[in-house]
N, C-alpha and C. Protein backbone atom coordinates (compact mmCIF):
# COMPACT_ATOMS: atom_id res chain seq x y z
N UNK A 1 5.41 7.25 -2.12
CA UNK A 1 4.83 7.68 -1.02
C UNK A 1 6.09 8.20 -0.11
N UNK A 2 5.89 8.98 1.13
CA UNK A 2 6.76 9.55 1.89
C UNK A 2 6.47 9.03 3.07
N UNK A 3 7.56 9.46 4.10
CA UNK A 3 7.71 9.37 5.43
C UNK A 3 7.67 7.54 5.81
N UNK A 4 6.82 7.12 6.64
CA UNK A 4 7.24 5.51 7.07
C UNK A 4 6.57 4.85 5.89
N UNK A 5 5.94 5.55 5.11
CA UNK A 5 5.49 4.72 3.73
C UNK A 5 6.26 4.70 2.54
N UNK A 6 7.63 5.11 2.67
CA UNK A 6 8.65 5.31 1.47
C UNK A 6 8.66 3.83 0.92
N UNK A 7 8.50 3.53 -0.09
CA UNK A 7 8.56 2.41 -0.98
C UNK A 7 7.73 1.66 -1.21
N UNK A 8 6.55 2.27 -0.71
CA UNK A 8 5.22 1.55 -1.08
C UNK A 8 4.31 2.32 -2.15
N UNK A 9 3.42 1.77 -2.76
CA UNK A 9 2.71 2.40 -3.74
C UNK A 9 1.23 2.09 -3.14
N UNK A 10 0.44 2.96 -3.94
CA UNK A 10 -1.05 2.79 -3.54
C UNK A 10 -1.92 2.77 -5.00
N UNK A 11 -2.84 1.93 -4.66
CA UNK A 11 -3.90 1.69 -5.90
C UNK A 11 -5.45 2.04 -5.06
N UNK A 12 -5.97 2.86 -5.89
CA UNK A 12 -7.53 3.19 -5.57
C UNK A 12 -8.30 2.20 -6.37
N UNK A 13 -9.28 1.59 -5.90
CA UNK A 13 -10.06 0.89 -6.68
C UNK A 13 -11.60 1.18 -5.92
N UNK A 14 -12.28 2.12 -6.48
CA UNK A 14 -13.75 2.74 -5.81
C UNK A 14 -13.36 3.05 -4.48
N UNK A 15 -14.06 2.58 -3.61
CA UNK A 15 -13.49 3.23 -2.29
C UNK A 15 -12.59 2.51 -1.46
N UNK A 16 -12.01 1.42 -1.83
CA UNK A 16 -10.87 0.95 -1.43
C UNK A 16 -9.59 0.97 -1.73
N UNK A 17 -8.82 1.15 -1.04
CA UNK A 17 -7.45 1.36 -0.97
C UNK A 17 -6.26 0.38 -0.93
N UNK A 18 -5.48 -0.26 -1.91
CA UNK A 18 -4.59 -1.01 -1.74
C UNK A 18 -3.25 -0.48 -1.57
N UNK A 19 -2.32 -0.93 -0.46
CA UNK A 19 -1.16 -0.47 -0.29
C UNK A 19 -0.09 -1.76 -0.52
N UNK A 20 0.83 -1.39 -1.23
CA UNK A 20 1.59 -2.69 -1.79
C UNK A 20 3.16 -2.16 -1.97
N UNK A 21 3.75 -3.21 -2.02
CA UNK A 21 5.31 -2.89 -2.78
C UNK A 21 5.95 -3.83 -3.41
N UNK A 22 6.90 -3.35 -4.61
CA UNK A 22 7.16 -4.68 -5.33
C UNK A 22 8.63 -4.94 -4.91
N UNK A 23 9.01 -6.06 -5.24
CA UNK A 23 10.27 -6.55 -5.00
C UNK A 23 10.77 -6.72 -6.54
N UNK A 24 11.38 -6.20 -7.03
CA UNK A 24 12.23 -6.05 -8.66
C UNK A 24 12.84 -7.20 -8.50
N UNK A 25 13.74 -7.63 -7.69
CA UNK A 25 14.83 -8.93 -7.87
C UNK A 25 13.93 -10.02 -8.55
N UNK A 26 12.77 -10.42 -7.24
CA UNK A 26 11.99 -11.56 -7.25
C UNK A 26 10.84 -11.50 -8.43
N UNK A 27 10.58 -10.19 -8.80
CA UNK A 27 9.28 -9.78 -9.62
C UNK A 27 8.28 -10.18 -8.95
N UNK A 28 8.17 -9.91 -7.62
CA UNK A 28 6.95 -10.27 -6.74
C UNK A 28 6.25 -9.04 -6.18
N UNK A 29 4.96 -8.89 -6.18
CA UNK A 29 4.29 -7.94 -5.49
C UNK A 29 3.52 -8.46 -4.18
N UNK A 30 3.95 -7.31 -3.15
CA UNK A 30 3.59 -7.73 -1.71
C UNK A 30 2.08 -6.72 -1.49
N UNK A 31 1.23 -7.18 -1.14
CA UNK A 31 0.12 -6.41 -0.70
C UNK A 31 0.21 -6.52 0.83
N UNK A 32 0.42 -5.31 1.38
CA UNK A 32 0.28 -4.85 2.90
C UNK A 32 -0.96 -4.60 3.53
N UNK A 33 -1.67 -3.76 2.88
CA UNK A 33 -3.06 -3.35 3.43
C UNK A 33 -4.05 -3.30 2.25
N UNK A 34 -5.20 -3.80 2.80
CA UNK A 34 -6.55 -3.26 1.81
C UNK A 34 -7.60 -2.88 3.08
N UNK A 35 -8.20 -1.82 2.39
CA UNK A 35 -9.25 -1.29 3.35
C UNK A 35 -9.83 0.10 3.00
N UNK A 36 -10.57 0.48 3.63
CA UNK A 36 -11.16 2.00 3.34
C UNK A 36 -10.25 2.95 3.04
N UNK A 37 -10.64 3.77 2.10
CA UNK A 37 -9.57 4.74 1.69
C UNK A 37 -9.09 5.87 3.01
N UNK A 38 -10.11 6.15 3.81
CA UNK A 38 -9.79 7.04 4.72
C UNK A 38 -9.24 6.56 5.73
N UNK A 39 -9.38 5.20 6.11
CA UNK A 39 -8.68 4.45 7.38
C UNK A 39 -7.29 3.81 7.18
N UNK A 40 -7.11 3.63 5.79
CA UNK A 40 -6.06 2.54 5.61
C UNK A 40 -4.70 3.30 6.19
N UNK A 41 -4.23 4.49 6.31
CA UNK A 41 -3.17 5.15 6.51
C UNK A 41 -2.95 5.31 8.04
N UNK A 42 -3.93 4.92 8.66
CA UNK A 42 -3.98 4.96 10.36
C UNK A 42 -3.55 3.46 10.71
N UNK A 43 -3.46 2.65 10.01
CA UNK A 43 -3.25 1.00 10.34
C UNK A 43 -1.89 0.82 10.70
N UNK A 44 -0.78 1.58 9.76
CA UNK A 44 0.72 1.37 9.85
C UNK A 44 1.19 1.63 11.15
N UNK A 45 1.93 0.77 11.77
CA UNK A 45 2.58 1.13 13.10
C UNK A 45 3.89 1.16 13.09
């Protein structure tokens, strides 16, 4: 993703969007946001 979302990935599950980023060193996935597709990008500050 671009801009302030650089380094994040998104996953669509029906009407829900999951925004996450992987830490490849520790092999951990961090989920930052889960919400409706239309509103999820408005939550990041």
